[in-house]
Amino acid sequence: MKSYPIRMYASHPDAALLGALRADDEGAFAEIYKRYSYRLFTVAYQKLGSREVAEELVQDLFADLWSRRASHQVQELQPYLFSAIRYRIINYIKAQKVKAGYELYCRLSTSEADTDTENNLALSDLSAAFLAGVGKLPEKSREVFQLSRLEHYTVPEISVRVNLSEKSVEYHLTKSLKLLRSYLRDFLLAILPLFIFLQ
């Protein structure tokens, strides 16, 4: 691995830094980090209002850039980085909304524990059936499903991560959902009252 002092990279254009990064050049990576990390942090901080979360998202982005440096299909560095941080911001917000919804559900369940016992049992059964169904999916479909529905990655991001075309990713998502509907058919009637209650 060949690397030069960081100051030697300051005048390099982004395209040259990308080429050096693909060749495992740590100096090029350090220059990319120096050049863009604060600007990306500023975008995340303005959207989320949390210094800690903004720093975490930026660190995750650069860790991902380094870990997949040899396989990355990045054409232009700046548009890629700002698009990637926006995806991470969106995914974080989605995850927080899911968490808030789950916490609200837990509070409702606790406050009406006596009347909700049957629904809680149905939800437990559905959760078990769901996990079992995910486990039965073909390996590639399971990987795509987990990235999309459980980790909230977009189709373009999944395409890069699993090295498939976006059309193939959509195929695996459709296949996964169809198989899971089949696995869960017996549980839908049991959980329906819970969905009505939460409307």
N, C-alpha and C. Protein backbone atom coordinates (compact mmCIF):
# COMPACT_ATOMS: atom_id res chain seq x y z
N MET A 1 0.85 -1.18 0.00
CA MET A 1 0.00 0.00 0.00
C MET A 1 0.88 1.23 0.00
N LYS A 2 0.72 2.10 -1.00
CA LYS A 2 1.54 3.29 -1.11
C LYS A 2 0.75 4.49 -0.63
N SER A 3 1.36 5.31 0.21
CA SER A 3 0.67 6.49 0.72
C SER A 3 1.68 7.62 0.90
N TYR A 4 1.25 8.82 0.56
CA TYR A 4 2.09 10.00 0.68
C TYR A 4 1.55 10.90 1.78
N PRO A 5 2.37 11.84 2.25
CA PRO A 5 1.87 12.79 3.25
C PRO A 5 0.61 13.48 2.76
N ILE A 6 -0.33 13.75 3.70
CA ILE A 6 -1.63 14.29 3.34
C ILE A 6 -1.52 15.59 2.55
N ARG A 7 -0.54 16.42 2.90
CA ARG A 7 -0.43 17.72 2.23
C ARG A 7 -0.23 17.57 0.72
N MET A 8 0.33 16.42 0.28
CA MET A 8 0.57 16.22 -1.14
C MET A 8 -0.73 15.98 -1.90
N TYR A 9 -1.80 15.64 -1.17
CA TYR A 9 -3.07 15.36 -1.83
C TYR A 9 -3.97 16.59 -1.93
N ALA A 10 -3.62 17.65 -1.27
CA ALA A 10 -4.50 18.82 -1.20
C ALA A 10 -4.85 19.37 -2.56
N SER A 11 -3.93 19.27 -3.52
CA SER A 11 -4.19 19.82 -4.86
C SER A 11 -4.79 18.80 -5.82
N HIS A 12 -4.94 17.55 -5.36
CA HIS A 12 -5.48 16.49 -6.23
C HIS A 12 -6.98 16.72 -6.47
N PRO A 13 -7.45 16.56 -7.70
CA PRO A 13 -8.90 16.61 -7.94
C PRO A 13 -9.57 15.36 -7.37
N ASP A 14 -10.88 15.44 -7.20
CA ASP A 14 -11.62 14.32 -6.62
C ASP A 14 -11.41 13.02 -7.40
N ALA A 15 -11.38 13.11 -8.71
CA ALA A 15 -11.25 11.90 -9.54
C ALA A 15 -9.94 11.18 -9.23
N ALA A 16 -8.86 11.94 -9.04
CA ALA A 16 -7.58 11.32 -8.71
C ALA A 16 -7.61 10.69 -7.32
N LEU A 17 -8.29 11.36 -6.39
CA LEU A 17 -8.42 10.80 -5.04
C LEU A 17 -9.21 9.49 -5.07
N LEU A 18 -10.26 9.44 -5.88
CA LEU A 18 -11.05 8.21 -6.00
C LEU A 18 -10.21 7.06 -6.54
N GLY A 19 -9.41 7.37 -7.57
CA GLY A 19 -8.54 6.33 -8.13
C GLY A 19 -7.55 5.83 -7.11
N ALA A 20 -6.97 6.74 -6.35
CA ALA A 20 -6.00 6.34 -5.32
C ALA A 20 -6.69 5.56 -4.20
N LEU A 21 -7.91 5.96 -3.86
CA LEU A 21 -8.67 5.26 -2.82
C LEU A 21 -8.91 3.82 -3.22
N ARG A 22 -9.28 3.59 -4.48
CA ARG A 22 -9.53 2.21 -4.95
C ARG A 22 -8.25 1.37 -4.87
N ALA A 23 -7.10 2.04 -4.87
CA ALA A 23 -5.81 1.34 -4.77
C ALA A 23 -5.33 1.26 -3.32
N ASP A 24 -6.24 1.43 -2.38
CA ASP A 24 -5.95 1.29 -0.94
C ASP A 24 -5.06 2.40 -0.38
N ASP A 25 -5.12 3.55 -0.98
CA ASP A 25 -4.25 4.64 -0.54
C ASP A 25 -4.88 5.38 0.64
N GLU A 26 -4.30 5.19 1.83
CA GLU A 26 -4.85 5.81 3.03
C GLU A 26 -4.73 7.33 3.00
N GLY A 27 -3.69 7.83 2.38
CA GLY A 27 -3.51 9.28 2.28
C GLY A 27 -4.62 9.92 1.48
N ALA A 28 -5.04 9.26 0.41
CA ALA A 28 -6.15 9.78 -0.40
C ALA A 28 -7.44 9.77 0.41
N PHE A 29 -7.65 8.70 1.16
CA PHE A 29 -8.84 8.63 2.02
C PHE A 29 -8.83 9.75 3.05
N ALA A 30 -7.68 9.99 3.66
CA ALA A 30 -7.56 11.04 4.67
C ALA A 30 -7.87 12.41 4.06
N GLU A 31 -7.43 12.62 2.83
CA GLU A 31 -7.71 13.90 2.16
C GLU A 31 -9.21 14.05 1.85
N ILE A 32 -9.84 12.96 1.43
CA ILE A 32 -11.29 12.99 1.16
C ILE A 32 -12.03 13.32 2.45
N TYR A 33 -11.60 12.69 3.54
CA TYR A 33 -12.23 12.96 4.84
C TYR A 33 -12.05 14.42 5.23
N LYS A 34 -10.82 14.90 5.09
CA LYS A 34 -10.53 16.29 5.44
C LYS A 34 -11.34 17.26 4.58
N ARG A 35 -11.49 16.93 3.33
CA ARG A 35 -12.15 17.82 2.37
C ARG A 35 -13.66 17.88 2.57
N TYR A 36 -14.28 16.77 2.99
CA TYR A 36 -15.74 16.71 2.99
C TYR A 36 -16.40 16.47 4.35
N SER A 37 -15.68 15.98 5.34
CA SER A 37 -16.35 15.56 6.58
C SER A 37 -17.11 16.70 7.26
N TYR A 38 -16.50 17.87 7.36
CA TYR A 38 -17.19 18.96 8.06
C TYR A 38 -18.42 19.42 7.30
N ARG A 39 -18.33 19.48 5.99
CA ARG A 39 -19.49 19.90 5.18
C ARG A 39 -20.63 18.90 5.32
N LEU A 40 -20.29 17.61 5.34
CA LEU A 40 -21.33 16.58 5.51
C LEU A 40 -21.92 16.64 6.92
N PHE A 41 -21.07 16.86 7.91
CA PHE A 41 -21.54 17.01 9.29
C PHE A 41 -22.52 18.18 9.39
N THR A 42 -22.20 19.30 8.73
CA THR A 42 -23.05 20.48 8.79
C THR A 42 -24.44 20.19 8.23
N VAL A 43 -24.48 19.46 7.11
CA VAL A 43 -25.78 19.08 6.51
C VAL A 43 -26.58 18.23 7.50
N ALA A 44 -25.94 17.22 8.07
CA ALA A 44 -26.63 16.32 9.00
C ALA A 44 -27.08 17.06 10.26
N TYR A 45 -26.22 17.91 10.78
CA TYR A 45 -26.55 18.64 12.01
C TYR A 45 -27.72 19.59 11.78
N GLN A 46 -27.75 20.27 10.64
CA GLN A 46 -28.85 21.20 10.34
C GLN A 46 -30.18 20.46 10.24
N LYS A 47 -30.14 19.24 9.72
CA LYS A 47 -31.38 18.47 9.55
C LYS A 47 -31.85 17.82 10.84
N LEU A 48 -30.89 17.36 11.67
CA LEU A 48 -31.24 16.54 12.84
C LEU A 48 -31.12 17.28 14.16
N GLY A 49 -30.30 18.34 14.20
CA GLY A 49 -30.17 19.11 15.43
C GLY A 49 -29.41 18.40 16.54
N SER A 50 -28.74 17.32 16.20
CA SER A 50 -27.97 16.57 17.20
C SER A 50 -26.54 16.41 16.71
N ARG A 51 -25.60 16.98 17.46
CA ARG A 51 -24.19 16.87 17.09
C ARG A 51 -23.74 15.40 17.11
N GLU A 52 -24.16 14.69 18.15
CA GLU A 52 -23.74 13.29 18.30
C GLU A 52 -24.22 12.42 17.15
N VAL A 53 -25.49 12.56 16.78
CA VAL A 53 -26.05 11.76 15.69
C VAL A 53 -25.41 12.15 14.36
N ALA A 54 -25.24 13.45 14.14
CA ALA A 54 -24.63 13.92 12.90
C ALA A 54 -23.22 13.35 12.74
N GLU A 55 -22.44 13.38 13.83
CA GLU A 55 -21.08 12.83 13.78
C GLU A 55 -21.11 11.33 13.50
N GLU A 56 -22.06 10.64 14.11
CA GLU A 56 -22.18 9.19 13.92
C GLU A 56 -22.51 8.85 12.47
N LEU A 57 -23.42 9.60 11.86
CA LEU A 57 -23.79 9.34 10.48
C LEU A 57 -22.62 9.60 9.53
N VAL A 58 -21.87 10.67 9.79
CA VAL A 58 -20.72 10.98 8.94
C VAL A 58 -19.65 9.91 9.08
N GLN A 59 -19.38 9.48 10.33
CA GLN A 59 -18.38 8.44 10.55
C GLN A 59 -18.79 7.14 9.86
N ASP A 60 -20.07 6.81 9.94
CA ASP A 60 -20.57 5.60 9.30
C ASP A 60 -20.40 5.68 7.79
N LEU A 61 -20.66 6.85 7.22
CA LEU A 61 -20.51 7.04 5.78
C LEU A 61 -19.06 6.83 5.35
N PHE A 62 -18.12 7.40 6.08
CA PHE A 62 -16.72 7.26 5.69
C PHE A 62 -16.20 5.84 5.97
N ALA A 63 -16.69 5.22 7.02
CA ALA A 63 -16.31 3.83 7.28
C ALA A 63 -16.76 2.93 6.14
N ASP A 64 -17.98 3.19 5.64
CA ASP A 64 -18.52 2.42 4.53
C ASP A 64 -17.72 2.70 3.25
N LEU A 65 -17.36 3.96 3.03
CA LEU A 65 -16.57 4.33 1.85
C LEU A 65 -15.24 3.59 1.85
N TRP A 66 -14.59 3.51 3.02
CA TRP A 66 -13.29 2.84 3.09
C TRP A 66 -13.44 1.33 2.96
N SER A 67 -14.42 0.76 3.65
CA SER A 67 -14.55 -0.71 3.64
C SER A 67 -14.90 -1.25 2.26
N ARG A 68 -15.58 -0.43 1.43
CA ARG A 68 -15.97 -0.90 0.09
C ARG A 68 -15.21 -0.13 -1.00
N ARG A 69 -14.02 0.34 -0.67
CA ARG A 69 -13.26 1.18 -1.60
C ARG A 69 -12.95 0.49 -2.92
N ALA A 70 -12.70 -0.83 -2.87
CA ALA A 70 -12.32 -1.54 -4.10
C ALA A 70 -13.51 -1.83 -4.99
N SER A 71 -14.70 -1.94 -4.39
CA SER A 71 -15.89 -2.33 -5.17
C SER A 71 -16.82 -1.17 -5.48
N HIS A 72 -16.54 0.00 -4.91
CA HIS A 72 -17.41 1.16 -5.11
C HIS A 72 -17.53 1.51 -6.59
N GLN A 73 -18.75 1.88 -6.99
CA GLN A 73 -18.98 2.33 -8.36
C GLN A 73 -19.15 3.85 -8.40
N VAL A 74 -18.50 4.56 -7.50
CA VAL A 74 -18.65 6.01 -7.42
C VAL A 74 -18.01 6.66 -8.64
N GLN A 75 -18.79 7.50 -9.34
CA GLN A 75 -18.28 8.21 -10.51
C GLN A 75 -17.80 9.60 -10.14
N GLU A 76 -18.62 10.31 -9.34
CA GLU A 76 -18.26 11.65 -8.90
C GLU A 76 -18.38 11.70 -7.39
N LEU A 77 -17.29 12.07 -6.75
CA LEU A 77 -17.20 11.96 -5.30
C LEU A 77 -18.17 12.87 -4.56
N GLN A 78 -18.18 14.15 -4.88
CA GLN A 78 -19.01 15.10 -4.12
C GLN A 78 -20.50 14.77 -4.19
N PRO A 79 -21.08 14.58 -5.40
CA PRO A 79 -22.51 14.22 -5.45
C PRO A 79 -22.81 12.92 -4.70
N TYR A 80 -21.89 11.95 -4.79
CA TYR A 80 -22.11 10.68 -4.09
C TYR A 80 -22.17 10.89 -2.58
N LEU A 81 -21.19 11.62 -2.04
CA LEU A 81 -21.13 11.80 -0.59
C LEU A 81 -22.35 12.54 -0.06
N PHE A 82 -22.78 13.60 -0.75
CA PHE A 82 -23.93 14.36 -0.25
C PHE A 82 -25.23 13.59 -0.44
N SER A 83 -25.31 12.79 -1.48
CA SER A 83 -26.48 11.92 -1.64
C SER A 83 -26.50 10.85 -0.56
N ALA A 84 -25.33 10.28 -0.26
CA ALA A 84 -25.25 9.23 0.76
C ALA A 84 -25.60 9.76 2.14
N ILE A 85 -25.17 10.97 2.47
CA ILE A 85 -25.50 11.49 3.81
C ILE A 85 -27.00 11.80 3.89
N ARG A 86 -27.59 12.25 2.77
CA ARG A 86 -29.04 12.50 2.78
C ARG A 86 -29.81 11.20 3.01
N TYR A 87 -29.39 10.11 2.37
CA TYR A 87 -30.03 8.81 2.59
C TYR A 87 -29.93 8.39 4.05
N ARG A 88 -28.77 8.61 4.64
CA ARG A 88 -28.59 8.23 6.05
C ARG A 88 -29.46 9.08 6.97
N ILE A 89 -29.59 10.35 6.65
CA ILE A 89 -30.46 11.23 7.44
C ILE A 89 -31.90 10.75 7.35
N ILE A 90 -32.36 10.46 6.14
CA ILE A 90 -33.74 9.99 5.92
C ILE A 90 -33.96 8.67 6.66
N ASN A 91 -33.01 7.75 6.55
CA ASN A 91 -33.15 6.45 7.21
C ASN A 91 -33.18 6.61 8.73
N TYR A 92 -32.37 7.53 9.25
CA TYR A 92 -32.37 7.77 10.70
C TYR A 92 -33.73 8.32 11.15
N ILE A 93 -34.26 9.27 10.40
CA ILE A 93 -35.57 9.86 10.75
C ILE A 93 -36.66 8.78 10.70
N LYS A 94 -36.61 7.93 9.66
CA LYS A 94 -37.59 6.84 9.55
C LYS A 94 -37.49 5.92 10.77
N ALA A 95 -36.26 5.57 11.13
CA ALA A 95 -36.06 4.67 12.27
C ALA A 95 -36.58 5.28 13.56
N GLN A 96 -36.39 6.60 13.72
CA GLN A 96 -36.88 7.28 14.92
C GLN A 96 -38.40 7.27 14.96
N LYS A 97 -39.04 7.43 13.80
CA LYS A 97 -40.50 7.41 13.75
C LYS A 97 -41.03 6.02 14.10
N VAL A 98 -40.35 5.00 13.58
CA VAL A 98 -40.76 3.62 13.92
C VAL A 98 -40.60 3.39 15.41
N LYS A 99 -39.48 3.86 15.97
CA LYS A 99 -39.23 3.70 17.40
C LYS A 99 -40.29 4.42 18.23
N ALA A 100 -40.63 5.66 17.81
CA ALA A 100 -41.65 6.43 18.53
C ALA A 100 -43.00 5.73 18.47
N GLY A 101 -43.34 5.20 17.29
CA GLY A 101 -44.60 4.47 17.14
C GLY A 101 -44.65 3.24 18.02
N TYR A 102 -43.51 2.53 18.08
CA TYR A 102 -43.46 1.32 18.92
C TYR A 102 -43.60 1.68 20.40
N GLU A 103 -42.94 2.77 20.80
CA GLU A 103 -43.04 3.20 22.20
C GLU A 103 -44.46 3.61 22.56
N LEU A 104 -45.14 4.28 21.61
CA LEU A 104 -46.53 4.65 21.84
C LEU A 104 -47.39 3.39 21.98
N TYR A 105 -47.15 2.42 21.11
CA TYR A 105 -47.89 1.17 21.19
C TYR A 105 -47.66 0.49 22.54
N CYS A 106 -46.40 0.50 22.99
CA CYS A 106 -46.09 -0.13 24.29
C CYS A 106 -46.83 0.57 25.43
N ARG A 107 -46.91 1.90 25.36
CA ARG A 107 -47.62 2.64 26.41
C ARG A 107 -49.10 2.30 26.39
N LEU A 108 -49.67 2.24 25.18
CA LEU A 108 -51.09 1.88 25.06
C LEU A 108 -51.33 0.47 25.58
N SER A 109 -50.41 -0.43 25.26
CA SER A 109 -50.55 -1.82 25.69
C SER A 109 -50.50 -1.92 27.20
N THR A 110 -49.58 -1.16 27.79
CA THR A 110 -49.42 -1.20 29.25
C THR A 110 -50.64 -0.63 29.95
N SER A 111 -51.18 0.47 29.42
CA SER A 111 -52.31 1.12 30.08
C SER A 111 -53.60 0.31 29.97
N GLU A 112 -53.66 -0.56 28.98
CA GLU A 112 -54.86 -1.39 28.82
C GLU A 112 -54.47 -2.86 28.81
N ALA A 113 -53.60 -3.22 29.76
CA ALA A 113 -53.03 -4.57 29.78
C ALA A 113 -54.09 -5.66 29.86
N ASP A 114 -55.13 -5.42 30.67
CA ASP A 114 -56.13 -6.46 30.87
C ASP A 114 -56.91 -6.74 29.59
N THR A 115 -57.31 -5.66 28.89
CA THR A 115 -58.14 -5.86 27.70
C THR A 115 -57.32 -6.22 26.47
N ASP A 116 -56.01 -5.98 26.54
CA ASP A 116 -55.17 -6.22 25.35
C ASP A 116 -54.42 -7.54 25.39
N THR A 117 -54.67 -8.36 26.39
CA THR A 117 -53.92 -9.60 26.52
C THR A 117 -54.02 -10.45 25.26
N GLU A 118 -55.22 -10.56 24.73
CA GLU A 118 -55.42 -11.39 23.54
C GLU A 118 -54.66 -10.81 22.34
N ASN A 119 -54.72 -9.48 22.20
CA ASN A 119 -54.00 -8.85 21.09
C ASN A 119 -52.49 -9.01 21.24
N ASN A 120 -52.00 -8.91 22.47
CA ASN A 120 -50.56 -9.07 22.70
C ASN A 120 -50.10 -10.48 22.35
N LEU A 121 -50.93 -11.46 22.69
CA LEU A 121 -50.59 -12.84 22.33
C LEU A 121 -50.58 -13.01 20.82
N ALA A 122 -51.56 -12.40 20.15
CA ALA A 122 -51.61 -12.48 18.69
C ALA A 122 -50.38 -11.82 18.08
N LEU A 123 -49.99 -10.67 18.64
CA LEU A 123 -48.81 -9.97 18.13
C LEU A 123 -47.56 -10.80 18.35
N SER A 124 -47.48 -11.46 19.50
CA SER A 124 -46.32 -12.32 19.78
C SER A 124 -46.26 -13.47 18.78
N ASP A 125 -47.42 -14.07 18.51
CA ASP A 125 -47.48 -15.15 17.54
C ASP A 125 -47.08 -14.66 16.15
N LEU A 126 -47.58 -13.47 15.79
CA LEU A 126 -47.25 -12.92 14.47
C LEU A 126 -45.76 -12.64 14.36
N SER A 127 -45.18 -12.09 15.43
CA SER A 127 -43.74 -11.79 15.42
C SER A 127 -42.94 -13.07 15.21
N ALA A 128 -43.34 -14.12 15.93
CA ALA A 128 -42.64 -15.40 15.79
C ALA A 128 -42.79 -15.95 14.38
N ALA A 129 -44.01 -15.83 13.83
CA ALA A 129 -44.26 -16.33 12.48
C ALA A 129 -43.49 -15.50 11.45
N PHE A 130 -43.43 -14.20 11.69
CA PHE A 130 -42.69 -13.31 10.78
C PHE A 130 -41.21 -13.69 10.74
N LEU A 131 -40.61 -13.86 11.93
CA LEU A 131 -39.19 -14.21 11.99
C LEU A 131 -38.93 -15.57 11.34
N ALA A 132 -39.85 -16.51 11.57
CA ALA A 132 -39.70 -17.82 10.95
C ALA A 132 -39.82 -17.70 9.44
N GLY A 133 -40.76 -16.85 8.97
CA GLY A 133 -40.94 -16.64 7.54
C GLY A 133 -39.72 -16.02 6.90
N VAL A 134 -39.14 -15.02 7.55
CA VAL A 134 -37.92 -14.39 7.03
C VAL A 134 -36.80 -15.43 6.93
N GLY A 135 -36.72 -16.29 7.94
CA GLY A 135 -35.69 -17.32 7.93
C GLY A 135 -35.84 -18.33 6.80
N LYS A 136 -37.06 -18.46 6.28
CA LYS A 136 -37.32 -19.42 5.19
C LYS A 136 -37.05 -18.84 3.82
N LEU A 137 -36.86 -17.52 3.75
CA LEU A 137 -36.64 -16.90 2.44
C LEU A 137 -35.31 -17.37 1.84
N PRO A 138 -35.23 -17.44 0.50
CA PRO A 138 -33.94 -17.73 -0.14
C PRO A 138 -32.90 -16.71 0.30
N GLU A 139 -31.65 -17.13 0.34
CA GLU A 139 -30.59 -16.30 0.94
C GLU A 139 -30.54 -14.88 0.38
N LYS A 140 -30.51 -14.74 -0.95
CA LYS A 140 -30.39 -13.40 -1.55
C LYS A 140 -31.64 -12.57 -1.31
N SER A 141 -32.80 -13.19 -1.39
CA SER A 141 -34.05 -12.47 -1.12
C SER A 141 -34.11 -12.02 0.33
N ARG A 142 -33.64 -12.89 1.24
CA ARG A 142 -33.63 -12.54 2.66
C ARG A 142 -32.71 -11.35 2.92
N GLU A 143 -31.53 -11.36 2.29
CA GLU A 143 -30.58 -10.27 2.46
C GLU A 143 -31.17 -8.95 1.97
N VAL A 144 -31.79 -8.98 0.80
CA VAL A 144 -32.40 -7.77 0.22
C VAL A 144 -33.55 -7.29 1.10
N PHE A 145 -34.39 -8.21 1.56
CA PHE A 145 -35.53 -7.86 2.41
C PHE A 145 -35.07 -7.20 3.70
N GLN A 146 -34.07 -7.78 4.35
CA GLN A 146 -33.59 -7.23 5.61
C GLN A 146 -33.01 -5.83 5.43
N LEU A 147 -32.26 -5.63 4.35
CA LEU A 147 -31.69 -4.30 4.09
C LEU A 147 -32.79 -3.28 3.83
N SER A 148 -33.83 -3.69 3.12
CA SER A 148 -34.90 -2.76 2.76
C SER A 148 -35.86 -2.50 3.90
N ARG A 149 -36.42 -3.55 4.47
CA ARG A 149 -37.51 -3.39 5.43
C ARG A 149 -37.05 -3.27 6.88
N LEU A 150 -35.90 -3.84 7.21
CA LEU A 150 -35.45 -3.80 8.60
C LEU A 150 -34.36 -2.75 8.83
N GLU A 151 -33.53 -2.49 7.80
CA GLU A 151 -32.46 -1.50 7.95
C GLU A 151 -32.74 -0.23 7.16
N HIS A 152 -33.82 -0.21 6.41
CA HIS A 152 -34.32 0.99 5.73
C HIS A 152 -33.38 1.56 4.67
N TYR A 153 -32.66 0.69 3.97
CA TYR A 153 -31.85 1.16 2.86
C TYR A 153 -32.73 1.31 1.61
N THR A 154 -32.36 2.24 0.74
CA THR A 154 -33.10 2.44 -0.50
C THR A 154 -32.68 1.39 -1.53
N VAL A 155 -33.48 1.27 -2.60
CA VAL A 155 -33.16 0.31 -3.67
C VAL A 155 -31.79 0.60 -4.28
N PRO A 156 -31.46 1.87 -4.61
CA PRO A 156 -30.12 2.13 -5.16
C PRO A 156 -28.99 1.74 -4.20
N GLU A 157 -29.17 2.00 -2.90
CA GLU A 157 -28.14 1.64 -1.93
C GLU A 157 -27.99 0.13 -1.83
N ILE A 158 -29.12 -0.59 -1.83
CA ILE A 158 -29.08 -2.05 -1.75
C ILE A 158 -28.39 -2.61 -3.00
N SER A 159 -28.71 -2.02 -4.14
CA SER A 159 -28.11 -2.46 -5.41
C SER A 159 -26.60 -2.46 -5.32
N VAL A 160 -26.03 -1.39 -4.74
CA VAL A 160 -24.57 -1.30 -4.60
C VAL A 160 -24.07 -2.31 -3.58
N ARG A 161 -24.79 -2.44 -2.45
CA ARG A 161 -24.33 -3.31 -1.36
C ARG A 161 -24.29 -4.78 -1.75
N VAL A 162 -25.30 -5.24 -2.50
CA VAL A 162 -25.37 -6.67 -2.83
C VAL A 162 -24.92 -6.97 -4.25
N ASN A 163 -24.46 -5.91 -4.95
CA ASN A 163 -23.93 -6.08 -6.31
C ASN A 163 -24.96 -6.68 -7.27
N LEU A 164 -26.17 -6.11 -7.22
CA LEU A 164 -27.23 -6.50 -8.15
C LEU A 164 -27.80 -5.25 -8.80
N SER A 165 -28.43 -5.41 -9.95
CA SER A 165 -29.08 -4.26 -10.58
C SER A 165 -30.29 -3.86 -9.74
N GLU A 166 -30.74 -2.61 -9.90
CA GLU A 166 -31.90 -2.15 -9.14
C GLU A 166 -33.14 -2.99 -9.49
N LYS A 167 -33.23 -3.40 -10.75
CA LYS A 167 -34.37 -4.24 -11.17
C LYS A 167 -34.35 -5.58 -10.43
N SER A 168 -33.14 -6.15 -10.26
CA SER A 168 -33.02 -7.42 -9.54
C SER A 168 -33.38 -7.25 -8.06
N VAL A 169 -32.97 -6.12 -7.48
CA VAL A 169 -33.32 -5.84 -6.09
C VAL A 169 -34.83 -5.78 -5.93
N GLU A 170 -35.51 -5.07 -6.85
CA GLU A 170 -36.97 -4.96 -6.80
C GLU A 170 -37.62 -6.33 -6.96
N TYR A 171 -37.04 -7.18 -7.81
CA TYR A 171 -37.55 -8.54 -7.98
C TYR A 171 -37.48 -9.31 -6.67
N HIS A 172 -36.32 -9.23 -6.00
CA HIS A 172 -36.16 -9.96 -4.73
C HIS A 172 -37.10 -9.42 -3.65
N LEU A 173 -37.33 -8.11 -3.64
CA LEU A 173 -38.28 -7.53 -2.67
C LEU A 173 -39.69 -8.05 -2.92
N THR A 174 -40.10 -8.03 -4.18
CA THR A 174 -41.44 -8.52 -4.54
C THR A 174 -41.58 -9.99 -4.18
N LYS A 175 -40.55 -10.77 -4.49
CA LYS A 175 -40.57 -12.21 -4.18
C LYS A 175 -40.66 -12.44 -2.68
N SER A 176 -39.87 -11.66 -1.91
CA SER A 176 -39.88 -11.81 -0.45
C SER A 176 -41.24 -11.51 0.14
N LEU A 177 -41.84 -10.41 -0.30
CA LEU A 177 -43.15 -10.01 0.23
C LEU A 177 -44.22 -11.05 -0.11
N LYS A 178 -44.15 -11.58 -1.33
CA LYS A 178 -45.12 -12.59 -1.74
C LYS A 178 -44.99 -13.86 -0.89
N LEU A 179 -43.74 -14.28 -0.65
CA LEU A 179 -43.52 -15.47 0.18
C LEU A 179 -43.93 -15.24 1.63
N LEU A 180 -43.63 -14.06 2.15
CA LEU A 180 -44.00 -13.77 3.54
C LEU A 180 -45.51 -13.71 3.71
N ARG A 181 -46.21 -13.13 2.72
CA ARG A 181 -47.68 -13.12 2.80
C ARG A 181 -48.22 -14.54 2.88
N SER A 182 -47.60 -15.42 2.12
CA SER A 182 -48.03 -16.82 2.14
C SER A 182 -47.76 -17.44 3.51
N TYR A 183 -46.57 -17.18 4.08
CA TYR A 183 -46.21 -17.75 5.38
C TYR A 183 -47.13 -17.23 6.49
N LEU A 184 -47.56 -15.98 6.37
CA LEU A 184 -48.29 -15.33 7.47
C LEU A 184 -49.81 -15.38 7.31
N ARG A 185 -50.29 -15.98 6.25
CA ARG A 185 -51.74 -15.95 5.97
C ARG A 185 -52.58 -16.41 7.17
N ASP A 186 -52.12 -17.43 7.86
CA ASP A 186 -52.89 -17.98 8.98
C ASP A 186 -52.97 -17.03 10.17
N PHE A 187 -52.07 -16.03 10.20
CA PHE A 187 -52.02 -15.14 11.36
C PHE A 187 -52.74 -13.81 11.13
N LEU A 188 -53.13 -13.54 9.88
CA LEU A 188 -53.70 -12.22 9.58
C LEU A 188 -55.01 -11.96 10.33
N LEU A 189 -55.87 -12.94 10.41
CA LEU A 189 -57.15 -12.73 11.10
C LEU A 189 -56.94 -12.51 12.60
N ALA A 190 -55.93 -13.17 13.15
CA ALA A 190 -55.68 -13.02 14.58
C ALA A 190 -55.18 -11.62 14.94
N ILE A 191 -54.43 -11.01 14.03
CA ILE A 191 -53.84 -9.71 14.33
C ILE A 191 -54.72 -8.55 13.87
N LEU A 192 -55.74 -8.82 13.05
CA LEU A 192 -56.58 -7.76 12.50
C LEU A 192 -57.20 -6.85 13.56
N PRO A 193 -57.72 -7.37 14.68
CA PRO A 193 -58.29 -6.47 15.70
C PRO A 193 -57.27 -5.46 16.24
N LEU A 194 -56.00 -5.85 16.31
CA LEU A 194 -54.97 -4.93 16.79
C LEU A 194 -54.79 -3.78 15.82
N PHE A 195 -54.76 -4.11 14.51
CA PHE A 195 -54.60 -3.04 13.51
C PHE A 195 -55.78 -2.07 13.57
N ILE A 196 -57.00 -2.60 13.77
CA ILE A 196 -58.20 -1.73 13.85
C ILE A 196 -58.10 -0.85 15.07
N PHE A 197 -57.61 -1.41 16.18
CA PHE A 197 -57.50 -0.65 17.43
C PHE A 197 -56.50 0.52 17.26
N LEU A 198 -55.43 0.30 16.49
CA LEU A 198 -54.41 1.33 16.35
C LEU A 198 -54.72 2.38 15.29
N GLN A 199 -55.80 2.20 14.55
CA GLN A 199 -56.14 3.19 13.50
C GLN A 199 -56.50 4.52 14.11
